Amino acid sequence: MKRQAKPRVLRTGKSHNGLENAHAFPDSIYVRVAVLAYSMYERRGRQDGHDIEDWIEAEKTILEKIASQDTRSKARSDV
């Protein structure tokens, strides 16, 4: 009888390639990163092989945008 492999368990936090797993993000942030990464792929002429770089760049851009918005709203509330 052939033994079946155990299903992989997704962990939150950093994965082996440095990317955050989807479970570490709220759904809206994950979707925003995915949409931006896909638009980067399209701007490159749908050239394959850059998915990880696109994802990391999109993730960085979205998280910086969120941090900037949080900083601005905190500054307004301190006034």
N, C-alpha and C. Protein backbone atom coordinates (compact mmCIF):
# COMPACT_ATOMS: atom_id res chain seq x y z
N MET A 1 0.85 -1.18 0.00
CA MET A 1 0.00 0.00 0.00
C MET A 1 0.89 1.24 0.00
N LYS A 2 0.61 2.15 -0.90
CA LYS A 2 1.40 3.37 -1.05
C LYS A 2 0.99 4.38 0.01
N ARG A 3 1.99 4.99 0.64
CA ARG A 3 1.73 5.97 1.69
C ARG A 3 1.52 7.35 1.08
N GLN A 4 0.48 8.04 1.52
CA GLN A 4 0.20 9.38 1.01
C GLN A 4 1.03 10.41 1.76
N ALA A 5 1.48 11.41 1.04
CA ALA A 5 2.24 12.49 1.66
C ALA A 5 1.31 13.35 2.50
N LYS A 6 1.83 13.85 3.60
CA LYS A 6 1.05 14.75 4.45
C LYS A 6 0.90 16.09 3.75
N PRO A 7 -0.25 16.72 3.89
CA PRO A 7 -0.41 18.05 3.28
C PRO A 7 0.51 19.04 3.97
N ARG A 8 1.00 20.01 3.19
CA ARG A 8 1.86 21.04 3.76
C ARG A 8 1.04 21.98 4.63
N VAL A 9 1.63 22.40 5.70
CA VAL A 9 0.98 23.35 6.61
C VAL A 9 1.58 24.72 6.37
N LEU A 10 0.73 25.70 6.07
CA LEU A 10 1.21 27.07 5.89
C LEU A 10 1.45 27.70 7.25
N ARG A 11 2.59 28.32 7.37
CA ARG A 11 2.93 29.03 8.60
C ARG A 11 2.82 30.53 8.35
N THR A 12 2.48 31.28 9.37
CA THR A 12 2.53 32.73 9.20
C THR A 12 3.96 33.17 9.41
N GLY A 13 4.28 34.36 8.97
CA GLY A 13 5.64 34.85 9.11
C GLY A 13 6.40 34.64 7.83
N LYS A 14 7.71 34.66 7.92
CA LYS A 14 8.55 34.55 6.74
C LYS A 14 8.58 33.12 6.22
N SER A 15 8.52 32.99 4.91
CA SER A 15 8.65 31.68 4.29
C SER A 15 10.11 31.49 3.91
N HIS A 16 10.42 30.35 3.34
CA HIS A 16 11.81 30.04 3.00
C HIS A 16 12.41 31.02 2.00
N ASN A 17 11.60 31.67 1.20
CA ASN A 17 12.14 32.60 0.20
C ASN A 17 12.01 34.06 0.62
N GLY A 18 11.63 34.30 1.86
CA GLY A 18 11.57 35.66 2.37
C GLY A 18 10.24 36.35 2.16
N LEU A 19 9.32 35.72 1.46
CA LEU A 19 8.01 36.34 1.25
C LEU A 19 7.08 36.03 2.41
N GLU A 20 6.23 36.95 2.70
CA GLU A 20 5.22 36.71 3.72
C GLU A 20 4.16 35.77 3.15
N ASN A 21 3.68 34.87 3.96
CA ASN A 21 2.58 34.02 3.53
C ASN A 21 1.29 34.83 3.51
N ALA A 22 0.36 34.41 2.71
CA ALA A 22 -0.90 35.13 2.57
C ALA A 22 -1.61 35.27 3.90
N HIS A 23 -1.47 34.30 4.78
CA HIS A 23 -2.19 34.33 6.06
C HIS A 23 -1.68 35.42 7.00
N ALA A 24 -0.53 35.98 6.71
CA ALA A 24 0.02 37.01 7.58
C ALA A 24 -0.57 38.38 7.27
N PHE A 25 -1.30 38.51 6.18
CA PHE A 25 -1.88 39.78 5.75
C PHE A 25 -3.39 39.76 5.90
N PRO A 26 -3.96 40.91 6.25
CA PRO A 26 -5.42 41.02 6.11
C PRO A 26 -5.76 40.87 4.62
N ASP A 27 -6.93 40.36 4.33
CA ASP A 27 -7.33 40.11 2.94
C ASP A 27 -7.17 41.32 2.03
N SER A 28 -7.55 42.50 2.51
CA SER A 28 -7.51 43.69 1.66
C SER A 28 -6.08 44.03 1.25
N ILE A 29 -5.12 43.88 2.16
CA ILE A 29 -3.73 44.17 1.82
C ILE A 29 -3.21 43.14 0.83
N TYR A 30 -3.53 41.89 1.05
CA TYR A 30 -3.10 40.83 0.14
C TYR A 30 -3.62 41.10 -1.27
N VAL A 31 -4.86 41.49 -1.39
CA VAL A 31 -5.46 41.78 -2.70
C VAL A 31 -4.77 42.97 -3.34
N ARG A 32 -4.51 44.02 -2.58
CA ARG A 32 -3.84 45.21 -3.12
C ARG A 32 -2.46 44.87 -3.65
N VAL A 33 -1.71 44.05 -2.90
CA VAL A 33 -0.38 43.63 -3.34
C VAL A 33 -0.49 42.79 -4.61
N ALA A 34 -1.44 41.87 -4.64
CA ALA A 34 -1.61 41.01 -5.82
C ALA A 34 -1.95 41.83 -7.06
N VAL A 35 -2.83 42.80 -6.92
CA VAL A 35 -3.23 43.63 -8.05
C VAL A 35 -2.05 44.46 -8.55
N LEU A 36 -1.29 45.05 -7.64
CA LEU A 36 -0.13 45.85 -8.04
C LEU A 36 0.94 44.98 -8.69
N ALA A 37 1.20 43.81 -8.14
CA ALA A 37 2.20 42.90 -8.72
C ALA A 37 1.78 42.48 -10.13
N TYR A 38 0.50 42.23 -10.32
CA TYR A 38 0.01 41.85 -11.64
C TYR A 38 0.14 43.01 -12.62
N SER A 39 -0.11 44.23 -12.16
CA SER A 39 0.04 45.37 -13.07
C SER A 39 1.50 45.56 -13.46
N MET A 40 2.42 45.26 -12.56
CA MET A 40 3.85 45.32 -12.90
C MET A 40 4.18 44.29 -13.98
N TYR A 41 3.62 43.12 -13.84
CA TYR A 41 3.79 42.05 -14.83
C TYR A 41 3.26 42.50 -16.20
N GLU A 42 2.10 43.12 -16.20
CA GLU A 42 1.52 43.60 -17.46
C GLU A 42 2.36 44.72 -18.08
N ARG A 43 2.85 45.66 -17.25
CA ARG A 43 3.69 46.75 -17.76
C ARG A 43 4.97 46.23 -18.39
N ARG A 44 5.45 45.10 -17.92
CA ARG A 44 6.67 44.51 -18.47
C ARG A 44 6.37 43.75 -19.76
N GLY A 45 5.14 43.74 -20.20
CA GLY A 45 4.78 43.03 -21.41
C GLY A 45 4.48 41.56 -21.15
N ARG A 46 4.03 41.26 -19.93
CA ARG A 46 3.69 39.89 -19.52
C ARG A 46 4.87 38.93 -19.66
N GLN A 47 6.04 39.44 -19.38
CA GLN A 47 7.25 38.62 -19.43
C GLN A 47 7.34 37.80 -18.14
N ASP A 48 7.39 36.48 -18.28
CA ASP A 48 7.45 35.59 -17.12
C ASP A 48 8.83 35.62 -16.46
N GLY A 49 8.87 35.13 -15.23
CA GLY A 49 10.13 34.97 -14.53
C GLY A 49 10.46 36.05 -13.52
N HIS A 50 9.57 37.00 -13.33
CA HIS A 50 9.83 38.10 -12.39
C HIS A 50 8.76 38.18 -11.31
N ASP A 51 8.03 37.09 -11.12
CA ASP A 51 6.90 37.12 -10.19
C ASP A 51 7.31 37.45 -8.76
N ILE A 52 8.40 36.88 -8.30
CA ILE A 52 8.82 37.12 -6.91
C ILE A 52 9.28 38.57 -6.74
N GLU A 53 10.07 39.07 -7.69
CA GLU A 53 10.50 40.47 -7.59
C GLU A 53 9.31 41.41 -7.63
N ASP A 54 8.36 41.13 -8.53
CA ASP A 54 7.16 41.97 -8.62
C ASP A 54 6.39 41.95 -7.31
N TRP A 55 6.25 40.76 -6.72
CA TRP A 55 5.49 40.63 -5.47
C TRP A 55 6.19 41.42 -4.36
N ILE A 56 7.50 41.26 -4.24
CA ILE A 56 8.24 41.96 -3.18
C ILE A 56 8.15 43.46 -3.36
N GLU A 57 8.30 43.93 -4.58
CA GLU A 57 8.21 45.37 -4.85
C GLU A 57 6.81 45.90 -4.56
N ALA A 58 5.79 45.16 -4.98
CA ALA A 58 4.41 45.57 -4.72
C ALA A 58 4.12 45.58 -3.22
N GLU A 59 4.58 44.56 -2.52
CA GLU A 59 4.39 44.47 -1.08
C GLU A 59 5.04 45.67 -0.38
N LYS A 60 6.26 45.97 -0.76
CA LYS A 60 6.99 47.11 -0.18
C LYS A 60 6.24 48.41 -0.43
N THR A 61 5.78 48.61 -1.66
CA THR A 61 5.05 49.83 -2.02
C THR A 61 3.77 49.98 -1.21
N ILE A 62 2.98 48.92 -1.14
CA ILE A 62 1.70 48.99 -0.41
C ILE A 62 1.94 49.21 1.08
N LEU A 63 2.87 48.49 1.68
CA LEU A 63 3.13 48.64 3.12
C LEU A 63 3.69 50.02 3.45
N GLU A 64 4.52 50.58 2.57
CA GLU A 64 5.01 51.95 2.78
C GLU A 64 3.87 52.96 2.69
N LYS A 65 2.97 52.73 1.73
CA LYS A 65 1.81 53.62 1.57
C LYS A 65 0.94 53.59 2.83
N ILE A 66 0.72 52.39 3.36
CA ILE A 66 -0.10 52.24 4.57
C ILE A 66 0.58 52.91 5.77
N ALA A 67 1.90 52.71 5.90
CA ALA A 67 2.64 53.32 7.00
C ALA A 67 2.59 54.84 6.91
N SER A 68 2.69 55.37 5.70
CA SER A 68 2.64 56.81 5.49
C SER A 68 1.27 57.37 5.87
N GLN A 69 0.22 56.65 5.49
CA GLN A 69 -1.14 57.08 5.84
C GLN A 69 -1.34 57.05 7.35
N ASP A 70 -0.82 56.01 8.01
CA ASP A 70 -0.94 55.90 9.46
C ASP A 70 -0.21 57.05 10.15
N THR A 71 0.96 57.39 9.64
CA THR A 71 1.75 58.48 10.22
C THR A 71 1.02 59.81 10.08
N ARG A 72 0.45 60.04 8.89
CA ARG A 72 -0.29 61.29 8.66
C ARG A 72 -1.53 61.39 9.54
N SER A 73 -2.27 60.29 9.68
CA SER A 73 -3.48 60.34 10.50
C SER A 73 -3.14 60.49 11.98
N LYS A 74 -2.02 59.91 12.42
CA LYS A 74 -1.59 60.08 13.80
C LYS A 74 -1.18 61.51 14.05
N ALA A 75 -0.47 62.12 13.08
CA ALA A 75 -0.05 63.52 13.23
C ALA A 75 -1.28 64.44 13.32
N ARG A 76 -2.31 64.15 12.55
CA ARG A 76 -3.54 64.97 12.59
C ARG A 76 -4.24 64.82 13.94
N SER A 77 -4.23 63.62 14.50
CA SER A 77 -4.92 63.41 15.76
C SER A 77 -4.16 64.02 16.95
N ASP A 78 -2.85 64.24 16.77
CA ASP A 78 -2.04 64.85 17.83
C ASP A 78 -2.21 66.37 17.90
N VAL A 79 -2.80 66.97 16.84
CA VAL A 79 -2.95 68.43 16.78
C VAL A 79 -4.08 68.90 17.61
